[in-house]
Amino acid sequence: MAVVALVLMAGNVAWAGTDSTTSASGVTTSSSDDGVIANWLQSVTKIQSEQPGWATPVVTVTPRLEQEFRYDQFWEYGTGGHELNSYGGGKGLEFIPAQNIEVILGIPSYETRDNPGGTGGFSDENLLLKYRLLSANAEHGNYILTTFLGVTLPVGSDYNTGHHEVTTPTIAFGKGWGDFDIQSTLGISVPDTGAPRNQAGTPVAFNTTLQYRLLTYIWPEVEFNYTWYPNGEHEGLNQLFITPGVVLGKFVIAHRFGCTVGAGCQLAVTQGPTYYHNAILTMRFPF
């Protein structure tokens, strides 16, 4: 409820504190709370104006600083014909509290599997901190370099948890040329010291998105999602998915508040993948 209230409040005061009340004497006053939030949103506008204006890809985490509420839906088809449905995709609230900083507070997704006995439940909690190192908007170079620090907390149900805390440092970068851009991330997931060596290991993930802007609101893309498992239960596996997709938006609803939607499908192109394909629907509500 706090998340919903924050988003609605941001939409209501996004026009820089013009909400006001008039007293019986005719003096116009404004709410101090509205002023604080309006000033914060003005600061966010300035921070985002100093970076490229690309769309956030369907899978790859953008190096750009975003402020939005996000919901994803996955329909994953794995080995042996098994299916996994993820409601929420571990996404949630993304906001910019200060210059060059973004915080993502993930909401554990609810996951169901078609295994016998029922294995539905909530997944682990995902938190992410971004720090933007370098950036320039389209008029001044159209590039960005950002560091991430992600943490996964093992709070999920028995069938949907990794059982261990995982820290994921990542470097993210992007460059644009006119309506075309490339966005990439490179990170490694490191479980806590209590994790058995024969489980998740320390997978290295490299994601790259090639994206093109059409007719203002249409962003067709193709993503390459690569993971190398140097150890753990998948030791030696090199896994590559190609993900064609499209993002539509941002469509303005009121003032800063808007809507962006996207869809894509991860297709395994290497042998022995952890799953064969994954259909993805993503909805974002920037504010």
C-alpha atoms as a PDB file:
ATOM      1  CA  MET A   1       0.000   0.000   0.000  1.00  0.00           C
ATOM      2  CA  ALA A   2       2.901   2.378   0.727  1.00  0.00           C
ATOM      3  CA  VAL A   3       4.237   1.819  -2.798  1.00  0.00           C
ATOM      4  CA  VAL A   4       0.848   2.585  -4.354  1.00  0.00           C
ATOM      5  CA  ALA A   5       0.471   5.703  -2.209  1.00  0.00           C
ATOM      6  CA  LEU A   6       3.920   6.955  -3.238  1.00  0.00           C
ATOM      7  CA  VAL A   7       3.192   6.516  -6.948  1.00  0.00           C
ATOM      8  CA  LEU A   8      -0.186   8.225  -6.720  1.00  0.00           C
ATOM      9  CA  MET A   9       1.270  11.065  -4.660  1.00  0.00           C
ATOM     10  CA  ALA A  10       4.042  11.570  -7.182  1.00  0.00           C
ATOM     11  CA  GLY A  11       1.547  11.814 -10.016  1.00  0.00           C
ATOM     12  CA  ASN A  12      -0.568  14.353  -8.142  1.00  0.00           C
ATOM     13  CA  VAL A  13       2.281  16.748  -7.364  1.00  0.00           C
ATOM     14  CA  ALA A  14       4.377  16.309 -10.476  1.00  0.00           C
ATOM     15  CA  TRP A  15       3.741  19.801 -11.765  1.00  0.00           C
ATOM     16  CA  ALA A  16       6.249  21.374  -9.363  1.00  0.00           C
ATOM     17  CA  GLY A  17       4.078  22.310  -6.461  1.00  0.00           C
ATOM     18  CA  THR A  18       1.182  24.051  -8.194  1.00  0.00           C
ATOM     19  CA  ASP A  19      -1.304  22.412  -5.806  1.00  0.00           C
ATOM     20  CA  SER A  20      -2.416  25.163  -3.437  1.00  0.00           C
ATOM     21  CA  THR A  21      -5.176  26.286  -1.129  1.00  0.00           C
ATOM     22  CA  THR A  22      -6.672  29.754  -0.773  1.00  0.00           C
ATOM     23  CA  SER A  23      -7.513  31.139   2.682  1.00  0.00           C
ATOM     24  CA  ALA A  24     -10.486  33.336   3.524  1.00  0.00           C
ATOM     25  CA  SER A  25      -8.235  36.405   3.205  1.00  0.00           C
ATOM     26  CA  GLY A  26      -7.391  35.438  -0.359  1.00  0.00           C
ATOM     27  CA  VAL A  27      -3.802  34.410   0.395  1.00  0.00           C
ATOM     28  CA  THR A  28      -2.697  31.363  -1.561  1.00  0.00           C
ATOM     29  CA  THR A  29      -0.570  28.796   0.303  1.00  0.00           C
ATOM     30  CA  SER A  30       0.861  25.432  -0.711  1.00  0.00           C
ATOM     31  CA  SER A  31       1.436  22.267   1.267  1.00  0.00           C
ATOM     32  CA  SER A  32       5.005  21.869   2.528  1.00  0.00           C
ATOM     33  CA  ASP A  33       4.773  18.132   1.888  1.00  0.00           C
ATOM     34  CA  ASP A  34       3.738  18.783  -1.700  1.00  0.00           C
ATOM     35  CA  GLY A  35       6.667  21.179  -2.040  1.00  0.00           C
ATOM     36  CA  VAL A  36       9.173  18.581  -0.857  1.00  0.00           C
ATOM     37  CA  ILE A  37       7.879  15.952  -3.250  1.00  0.00           C
ATOM     38  CA  ALA A  38       7.655  18.438  -6.124  1.00  0.00           C
ATOM     39  CA  ASN A  39      11.248  19.517  -5.558  1.00  0.00           C
ATOM     40  CA  TRP A  40      12.347  15.885  -5.486  1.00  0.00           C
ATOM     41  CA  LEU A  41      10.558  15.177  -8.784  1.00  0.00           C
ATOM     42  CA  GLN A  42      12.129  18.270 -10.359  1.00  0.00           C
ATOM     43  CA  SER A  43      15.512  16.928  -9.286  1.00  0.00           C
ATOM     44  CA  VAL A  44      14.692  13.541 -10.820  1.00  0.00           C
ATOM     45  CA  THR A  45      13.772  15.238 -14.103  1.00  0.00           C
ATOM     46  CA  LYS A  46      17.144  16.999 -14.169  1.00  0.00           C
ATOM     47  CA  ILE A  47      19.051  13.810 -13.296  1.00  0.00           C
ATOM     48  CA  GLN A  48      17.330  11.869 -16.082  1.00  0.00           C
ATOM     49  CA  SER A  49      17.869  14.696 -18.593  1.00  0.00           C
ATOM     50  CA  GLU A  50      21.619  14.127 -18.232  1.00  0.00           C
ATOM     51  CA  GLN A  51      21.475  10.599 -19.677  1.00  0.00           C
ATOM     52  CA  PRO A  52      20.267   8.923 -22.895  1.00  0.00           C
ATOM     53  CA  GLY A  53      16.527   8.616 -23.460  1.00  0.00           C
ATOM     54  CA  TRP A  54      16.375   4.959 -24.528  1.00  0.00           C
ATOM     55  CA  ALA A  55      13.714   2.462 -23.513  1.00  0.00           C
ATOM     56  CA  THR A  56      14.484  -0.101 -20.818  1.00  0.00           C
ATOM     57  CA  PRO A  57      14.927  -3.501 -22.541  1.00  0.00           C
ATOM     58  CA  VAL A  58      12.650  -6.470 -21.842  1.00  0.00           C
ATOM     59  CA  VAL A  59      15.346  -8.526 -20.032  1.00  0.00           C
ATOM     60  CA  THR A  60      18.601  -6.577 -19.742  1.00  0.00           C
ATOM     61  CA  VAL A  61      18.721  -4.182 -16.781  1.00  0.00           C
ATOM     62  CA  THR A  62      19.283  -0.732 -18.262  1.00  0.00           C
ATOM     63  CA  PRO A  63      22.305   1.330 -17.196  1.00  0.00           C
ATOM     64  CA  ARG A  64      19.987   4.346 -17.195  1.00  0.00           C
ATOM     65  CA  LEU A  65      18.490   5.604 -13.928  1.00  0.00           C
ATOM     66  CA  GLU A  66      14.738   4.966 -13.922  1.00  0.00           C
ATOM     67  CA  GLN A  67      11.849   5.829 -11.648  1.00  0.00           C
ATOM     68  CA  GLU A  68       8.864   3.540 -12.062  1.00  0.00           C
ATOM     69  CA  PHE A  69       6.808   0.676 -10.723  1.00  0.00           C
ATOM     70  CA  ARG A  70       7.311  -2.506 -12.763  1.00  0.00           C
ATOM     71  CA  TYR A  71       5.497  -5.827 -13.095  1.00  0.00           C
ATOM     72  CA  ASP A  72       6.737  -8.732 -15.259  1.00  0.00           C
ATOM     73  CA  GLN A  73       5.102 -12.017 -16.183  1.00  0.00           C
ATOM     74  CA  PHE A  74       7.103 -15.111 -17.230  1.00  0.00           C
ATOM     75  CA  TRP A  75       5.935 -18.348 -18.863  1.00  0.00           C
ATOM     76  CA  GLU A  76       9.026 -20.563 -18.799  1.00  0.00           C
ATOM     77  CA  TYR A  77       9.250 -23.975 -20.473  1.00  0.00           C
ATOM     78  CA  GLY A  78      12.001 -26.193 -19.146  1.00  0.00           C
ATOM     79  CA  THR A  79      13.510 -29.606 -19.596  1.00  0.00           C
ATOM     80  CA  GLY A  80      11.163 -32.572 -19.554  1.00  0.00           C
ATOM     81  CA  GLY A  81       8.266 -30.383 -20.622  1.00  0.00           C
ATOM     82  CA  HIS A  82       7.953 -28.751 -17.197  1.00  0.00           C
ATOM     83  CA  GLU A  83       6.513 -25.264 -16.960  1.00  0.00           C
ATOM     84  CA  LEU A  84       7.139 -22.403 -14.524  1.00  0.00           C
ATOM     85  CA  ASN A  85       4.936 -19.322 -14.278  1.00  0.00           C
ATOM     86  CA  SER A  86       6.290 -16.246 -12.485  1.00  0.00           C
ATOM     87  CA  TYR A  87       3.853 -13.534 -11.425  1.00  0.00           C
ATOM     88  CA  GLY A  88       5.803 -10.313 -10.921  1.00  0.00           C
ATOM     89  CA  GLY A  89       9.211 -11.459 -12.095  1.00  0.00           C
ATOM     90  CA  GLY A  90      10.831 -10.134  -8.918  1.00  0.00           C
ATOM     91  CA  LYS A  91      10.349  -6.537 -10.110  1.00  0.00           C
ATOM     92  CA  GLY A  92       8.874  -3.715  -8.051  1.00  0.00           C
ATOM     93  CA  LEU A  93       9.607  -0.103  -7.156  1.00  0.00           C
ATOM     94  CA  GLU A  94      12.480   1.781  -8.806  1.00  0.00           C
ATOM     95  CA  PHE A  95      13.259   5.304  -7.625  1.00  0.00           C
ATOM     96  CA  ILE A  96      15.997   7.946  -7.727  1.00  0.00           C
ATOM     97  CA  PRO A  97      16.705   9.294  -4.220  1.00  0.00           C
ATOM     98  CA  ALA A  98      19.743  11.427  -5.097  1.00  0.00           C
ATOM     99  CA  GLN A  99      22.106  12.479  -7.872  1.00  0.00           C
ATOM    100  CA  ASN A 100      23.474   9.497  -9.851  1.00  0.00           C
ATOM    101  CA  ILE A 101      21.736   6.929  -7.584  1.00  0.00           C
ATOM    102  CA  GLU A 102      18.835   4.544  -8.191  1.00  0.00           C
ATOM    103  CA  VAL A 103      17.386   2.019  -5.754  1.00  0.00           C
ATOM    104  CA  ILE A 104      15.258  -0.959  -6.805  1.00  0.00           C
ATOM    105  CA  LEU A 105      13.090  -2.620  -4.169  1.00  0.00           C
ATOM    106  CA  GLY A 106      11.955  -5.872  -5.712  1.00  0.00           C
ATOM    107  CA  ILE A 107       8.715  -7.578  -4.715  1.00  0.00           C
ATOM    108  CA  PRO A 108       9.074 -11.378  -4.454  1.00  0.00           C
ATOM    109  CA  SER A 109       7.247 -12.981  -7.346  1.00  0.00           C
ATOM    110  CA  TYR A 110       4.716 -15.761  -6.896  1.00  0.00           C
ATOM    111  CA  GLU A 111       5.830 -18.839  -8.844  1.00  0.00           C
ATOM    112  CA  THR A 112       3.965 -21.980  -9.815  1.00  0.00           C
ATOM    113  CA  ARG A 113       5.323 -25.180 -11.335  1.00  0.00           C
ATOM    114  CA  ASP A 114       3.549 -28.123 -12.916  1.00  0.00           C
ATOM    115  CA  ASN A 115       5.481 -30.637 -10.801  1.00  0.00           C
ATOM    116  CA  PRO A 116       3.411 -33.218  -8.899  1.00  0.00           C
ATOM    117  CA  GLY A 117       2.468 -32.260  -5.364  1.00  0.00           C
ATOM    118  CA  GLY A 118       2.249 -28.529  -5.978  1.00  0.00           C
ATOM    119  CA  THR A 119       5.300 -26.333  -5.602  1.00  0.00           C
ATOM    120  CA  GLY A 120       3.831 -22.844  -5.725  1.00  0.00           C
ATOM    121  CA  GLY A 121       5.115 -20.065  -3.506  1.00  0.00           C
ATOM    122  CA  PHE A 122       6.949 -16.777  -3.303  1.00  0.00           C
ATOM    123  CA  SER A 123      10.499 -16.338  -4.584  1.00  0.00           C
ATOM    124  CA  ASP A 124      13.451 -14.647  -2.910  1.00  0.00           C
ATOM    125  CA  GLU A 125      13.725 -10.881  -2.363  1.00  0.00           C
ATOM    126  CA  ASN A 126      15.817  -8.873  -4.862  1.00  0.00           C
ATOM    127  CA  LEU A 127      17.412  -5.503  -4.051  1.00  0.00           C
ATOM    128  CA  LEU A 128      19.560  -3.433  -6.411  1.00  0.00           C
ATOM    129  CA  LEU A 129      21.590  -0.254  -6.043  1.00  0.00           C
ATOM    130  CA  LYS A 130      22.758   1.631  -9.147  1.00  0.00           C
ATOM    131  CA  TYR A 131      25.433   4.330  -9.249  1.00  0.00           C
ATOM    132  CA  ARG A 132      25.862   6.248 -12.513  1.00  0.00           C
ATOM    133  CA  LEU A 133      29.532   6.963 -13.203  1.00  0.00           C
ATOM    134  CA  LEU A 134      29.351   8.729 -16.569  1.00  0.00           C
ATOM    135  CA  SER A 135      26.505   9.843 -18.803  1.00  0.00           C
ATOM    136  CA  ALA A 136      25.589  12.183 -21.623  1.00  0.00           C
ATOM    137  CA  ASN A 137      22.257  12.761 -23.329  1.00  0.00           C
ATOM    138  CA  ALA A 138      21.697  12.566 -27.092  1.00  0.00           C
ATOM    139  CA  GLU A 139      22.910  16.147 -27.602  1.00  0.00           C
ATOM    140  CA  HIS A 140      26.241  15.579 -25.848  1.00  0.00           C
ATOM    141  CA  GLY A 141      27.415  12.079 -26.815  1.00  0.00           C
ATOM    142  CA  ASN A 142      24.580   9.635 -26.007  1.00  0.00           C
ATOM    143  CA  TYR A 143      26.431   7.260 -23.680  1.00  0.00           C
ATOM    144  CA  ILE A 144      26.307   5.956 -20.099  1.00  0.00           C
ATOM    145  CA  LEU A 145      28.397   3.903 -17.657  1.00  0.00           C
ATOM    146  CA  THR A 146      26.859   2.604 -14.405  1.00  0.00           C
ATOM    147  CA  THR A 147      27.747   0.175 -11.622  1.00  0.00           C
ATOM    148  CA  PHE A 148      25.200  -2.100  -9.920  1.00  0.00           C
ATOM    149  CA  LEU A 149      25.255  -3.935  -6.613  1.00  0.00           C
ATOM    150  CA  GLY A 150      22.483  -6.508  -6.304  1.00  0.00           C
ATOM    151  CA  VAL A 151      21.545  -8.618  -3.289  1.00  0.00           C
ATOM    152  CA  THR A 152      19.170 -11.585  -3.225  1.00  0.00           C
ATOM    153  CA  LEU A 153      17.781 -12.510   0.194  1.00  0.00           C
ATOM    154  CA  PRO A 154      16.629 -16.151   0.753  1.00  0.00           C
ATOM    155  CA  VAL A 155      13.113 -15.404   2.017  1.00  0.00           C
ATOM    156  CA  GLY A 156      11.159 -17.483  -0.506  1.00  0.00           C
ATOM    157  CA  SER A 157       9.191 -20.667   0.019  1.00  0.00           C
ATOM    158  CA  ASP A 158      10.985 -24.025   0.162  1.00  0.00           C
ATOM    159  CA  TYR A 159      10.557 -24.748  -3.555  1.00  0.00           C
ATOM    160  CA  ASN A 160      11.307 -21.196  -4.766  1.00  0.00           C
ATOM    161  CA  THR A 161      14.370 -20.093  -2.804  1.00  0.00           C
ATOM    162  CA  GLY A 162      18.081 -20.350  -3.419  1.00  0.00           C
ATOM    163  CA  HIS A 163      18.550 -20.915   0.353  1.00  0.00           C
ATOM    164  CA  HIS A 164      21.524 -18.522   0.432  1.00  0.00           C
ATOM    165  CA  GLU A 165      22.155 -14.806   0.169  1.00  0.00           C
ATOM    166  CA  VAL A 166      23.678 -13.864  -3.195  1.00  0.00           C
ATOM    167  CA  THR A 167      25.595 -10.664  -4.003  1.00  0.00           C
ATOM    168  CA  THR A 168      25.893  -9.588  -7.646  1.00  0.00           C
ATOM    169  CA  PRO A 169      28.289  -6.769  -8.600  1.00  0.00           C
ATOM    170  CA  THR A 170      27.737  -5.617 -12.186  1.00  0.00           C
ATOM    171  CA  ILE A 171      29.087  -3.091 -14.658  1.00  0.00           C
ATOM    172  CA  ALA A 172      26.592  -1.670 -17.185  1.00  0.00           C
ATOM    173  CA  PHE A 173      27.175   0.533 -20.197  1.00  0.00           C
ATOM    174  CA  GLY A 174      25.436   1.849 -23.282  1.00  0.00           C
ATOM    175  CA  LYS A 175      26.029   3.906 -26.425  1.00  0.00           C
ATOM    176  CA  GLY A 176      23.638   5.387 -28.944  1.00  0.00           C
ATOM    177  CA  TRP A 177      23.919   6.544 -32.526  1.00  0.00           C
ATOM    178  CA  GLY A 178      20.812   8.408 -33.625  1.00  0.00           C
ATOM    179  CA  ASP A 179      17.814   6.084 -33.171  1.00  0.00           C
ATOM    180  CA  PHE A 180      20.006   2.994 -32.588  1.00  0.00           C
ATOM    181  CA  ASP A 181      21.520   2.019 -29.244  1.00  0.00           C
ATOM    182  CA  ILE A 182      23.390  -0.793 -27.503  1.00  0.00           C
ATOM    183  CA  GLN A 183      22.934  -1.543 -23.787  1.00  0.00           C
ATOM    184  CA  SER A 184      25.021  -4.180 -21.973  1.00  0.00           C
ATOM    185  CA  THR A 185      25.637  -5.585 -18.508  1.00  0.00           C
ATOM    186  CA  LEU A 186      28.367  -7.867 -17.174  1.00  0.00           C
ATOM    187  CA  GLY A 187      28.044  -9.320 -13.674  1.00  0.00           C
ATOM    188  CA  ILE A 188      28.921 -12.233 -11.427  1.00  0.00           C
ATOM    189  CA  SER A 189      26.686 -13.780  -8.741  1.00  0.00           C
ATOM    190  CA  VAL A 190      28.495 -14.748  -5.537  1.00  0.00           C
ATOM    191  CA  PRO A 191      26.606 -16.733  -2.857  1.00  0.00           C
ATOM    192  CA  ASP A 192      27.407 -16.419   0.828  1.00  0.00           C
ATOM    193  CA  THR A 193      30.177 -18.523   2.318  1.00  0.00           C
ATOM    194  CA  GLY A 194      27.737 -21.142   3.579  1.00  0.00           C
ATOM    195  CA  ALA A 195      26.613 -22.158   0.079  1.00  0.00           C
ATOM    196  CA  PRO A 196      27.715 -25.681  -0.945  1.00  0.00           C
ATOM    197  CA  ARG A 197      30.134 -25.646  -3.870  1.00  0.00           C
ATOM    198  CA  ASN A 198      27.971 -28.125  -5.785  1.00  0.00           C
ATOM    199  CA  GLN A 199      24.925 -25.833  -5.946  1.00  0.00           C
ATOM    200  CA  ALA A 200      24.570 -22.478  -7.711  1.00  0.00           C
ATOM    201  CA  GLY A 201      28.271 -21.655  -7.927  1.00  0.00           C
ATOM    202  CA  THR A 202      29.294 -18.229  -9.245  1.00  0.00           C
ATOM    203  CA  PRO A 203      27.664 -17.801 -12.664  1.00  0.00           C
ATOM    204  CA  VAL A 204      28.814 -14.950 -14.888  1.00  0.00           C
ATOM    205  CA  ALA A 205      26.078 -13.201 -16.902  1.00  0.00           C
ATOM    206  CA  PHE A 206      26.619 -11.012 -19.971  1.00  0.00           C
ATOM    207  CA  ASN A 207      23.545  -9.382 -21.511  1.00  0.00           C
ATOM    208  CA  THR A 208      23.510  -7.179 -24.598  1.00  0.00           C
ATOM    209  CA  THR A 209      20.563  -5.436 -26.245  1.00  0.00           C
ATOM    210  CA  LEU A 210      20.458  -3.983 -29.759  1.00  0.00           C
ATOM    211  CA  GLN A 211      17.564  -1.530 -29.948  1.00  0.00           C
ATOM    212  CA  TYR A 212      16.078   0.817 -32.558  1.00  0.00           C
ATOM    213  CA  ARG A 213      13.493   3.555 -32.165  1.00  0.00           C
ATOM    214  CA  LEU A 214      10.605   3.742 -34.644  1.00  0.00           C
ATOM    215  CA  LEU A 215       7.845   6.366 -34.802  1.00  0.00           C
ATOM    216  CA  THR A 216       8.624   7.808 -31.350  1.00  0.00           C
ATOM    217  CA  TYR A 217       6.960   5.069 -29.257  1.00  0.00           C
ATOM    218  CA  ILE A 218       8.085   1.759 -30.813  1.00  0.00           C
ATOM    219  CA  TRP A 219      11.379   0.149 -29.750  1.00  0.00           C
ATOM    220  CA  PRO A 220      12.036  -3.203 -31.518  1.00  0.00           C
ATOM    221  CA  GLU A 221      15.021  -5.023 -30.089  1.00  0.00           C
ATOM    222  CA  VAL A 222      17.007  -8.219 -29.962  1.00  0.00           C
ATOM    223  CA  GLU A 223      18.813  -9.287 -26.800  1.00  0.00           C
ATOM    224  CA  PHE A 224      21.607 -11.779 -26.250  1.00  0.00           C
ATOM    225  CA  ASN A 225      21.487 -13.279 -22.742  1.00  0.00           C
ATOM    226  CA  TYR A 226      24.634 -15.299 -22.046  1.00  0.00           C
ATOM    227  CA  THR A 227      25.583 -17.140 -18.840  1.00  0.00           C
ATOM    228  CA  TRP A 228      28.781 -19.051 -18.097  1.00  0.00           C
ATOM    229  CA  TYR A 229      28.888 -21.453 -15.136  1.00  0.00           C
ATOM    230  CA  PRO A 230      32.542 -21.880 -14.056  1.00  0.00           C
ATOM    231  CA  ASN A 231      31.527 -24.069 -11.101  1.00  0.00           C
ATOM    232  CA  GLY A 232      28.530 -25.377  -9.177  1.00  0.00           C
ATOM    233  CA  GLU A 233      25.846 -27.802 -10.340  1.00  0.00           C
ATOM    234  CA  HIS A 234      26.007 -26.489 -13.937  1.00  0.00           C
ATOM    235  CA  GLU A 235      29.813 -26.364 -14.094  1.00  0.00           C
ATOM    236  CA  GLY A 236      31.111 -26.027 -17.646  1.00  0.00           C
ATOM    237  CA  LEU A 237      27.757 -24.956 -19.102  1.00  0.00           C
ATOM    238  CA  ASN A 238      27.716 -22.041 -21.535  1.00  0.00           C
ATOM    239  CA  GLN A 239      24.137 -20.926 -22.042  1.00  0.00           C
ATOM    240  CA  LEU A 240      22.945 -18.407 -24.645  1.00  0.00           C
ATOM    241  CA  PHE A 241      19.421 -17.140 -25.236  1.00  0.00           C
ATOM    242  CA  ILE A 242      18.413 -14.868 -28.092  1.00  0.00           C
ATOM    243  CA  THR A 243      15.470 -12.694 -27.122  1.00  0.00           C
ATOM    244  CA  PRO A 244      13.567 -10.823 -29.845  1.00  0.00           C
ATOM    245  CA  GLY A 245      11.153  -8.310 -28.395  1.00  0.00           C
ATOM    246  CA  VAL A 246       9.528  -4.905 -28.565  1.00  0.00           C
ATOM    247  CA  VAL A 247       8.889  -2.111 -26.065  1.00  0.00           C
ATOM    248  CA  LEU A 248       6.090   0.436 -26.545  1.00  0.00           C
ATOM    249  CA  GLY A 249       6.038   3.811 -24.791  1.00  0.00           C
ATOM    250  CA  LYS A 250       6.292   5.908 -22.773  1.00  0.00           C
ATOM    251  CA  PHE A 251       2.600   6.834 -23.045  1.00  0.00           C
ATOM    252  CA  VAL A 252       1.767   9.759 -20.759  1.00  0.00           C
ATOM    253  CA  ILE A 253      -1.279   9.292 -18.511  1.00  0.00           C
ATOM    254  CA  ALA A 254      -1.071  12.448 -16.396  1.00  0.00           C
ATOM    255  CA  HIS A 255       1.860  14.806 -15.929  1.00  0.00           C
ATOM    256  CA  ARG A 256       4.894  12.591 -15.052  1.00  0.00           C
ATOM    257  CA  PHE A 257       2.842   9.429 -14.633  1.00  0.00           C
ATOM    258  CA  GLY A 258       2.844   7.136 -17.670  1.00  0.00           C
ATOM    259  CA  CYS A 259       2.789   3.579 -18.964  1.00  0.00           C
ATOM    260  CA  THR A 260       5.227   1.444 -20.951  1.00  0.00           C
ATOM    261  CA  VAL A 261       4.628  -2.148 -22.093  1.00  0.00           C
ATOM    262  CA  GLY A 262       6.859  -4.718 -23.710  1.00  0.00           C
ATOM    263  CA  ALA A 263       7.062  -8.367 -24.703  1.00  0.00           C
ATOM    264  CA  GLY A 264       9.715 -10.813 -25.795  1.00  0.00           C
ATOM    265  CA  CYS A 265      10.634 -14.493 -25.892  1.00  0.00           C
ATOM    266  CA  GLN A 266      13.937 -15.978 -24.770  1.00  0.00           C
ATOM    267  CA  LEU A 267      14.974 -18.805 -27.113  1.00  0.00           C
ATOM    268  CA  ALA A 268      17.780 -21.176 -26.130  1.00  0.00           C
ATOM    269  CA  VAL A 269      20.385 -21.598 -28.880  1.00  0.00           C
ATOM    270  CA  THR A 270      22.968 -23.676 -26.990  1.00  0.00           C
ATOM    271  CA  GLN A 271      22.795 -27.316 -25.919  1.00  0.00           C
ATOM    272  CA  GLY A 272      21.693 -28.382 -22.451  1.00  0.00           C
ATOM    273  CA  PRO A 273      20.089 -25.104 -21.291  1.00  0.00           C
ATOM    274  CA  THR A 274      18.484 -24.758 -17.869  1.00  0.00           C
ATOM    275  CA  TYR A 275      15.219 -24.075 -19.771  1.00  0.00           C
ATOM    276  CA  TYR A 276      14.246 -24.005 -23.456  1.00  0.00           C
ATOM    277  CA  HIS A 277      12.271 -20.799 -23.850  1.00  0.00           C
ATOM    278  CA  ASN A 278      10.611 -18.120 -21.783  1.00  0.00           C
ATOM    279  CA  ALA A 279       7.784 -15.824 -22.916  1.00  0.00           C
ATOM    280  CA  ILE A 280       7.886 -12.460 -21.127  1.00  0.00           C
ATOM    281  CA  LEU A 281       5.355  -9.664 -20.684  1.00  0.00           C
ATOM    282  CA  THR A 282       6.531  -6.486 -18.946  1.00  0.00           C
ATOM    283  CA  MET A 283       4.548  -3.465 -17.734  1.00  0.00           C
ATOM    284  CA  ARG A 284       6.122  -0.314 -16.290  1.00  0.00           C
ATOM    285  CA  PHE A 285       4.512   2.770 -14.793  1.00  0.00           C
ATOM    286  CA  PRO A 286       7.098   5.574 -14.759  1.00  0.00           C
ATOM    287  CA  PHE A 287       6.551   8.596 -12.540  1.00  0.00           C
END
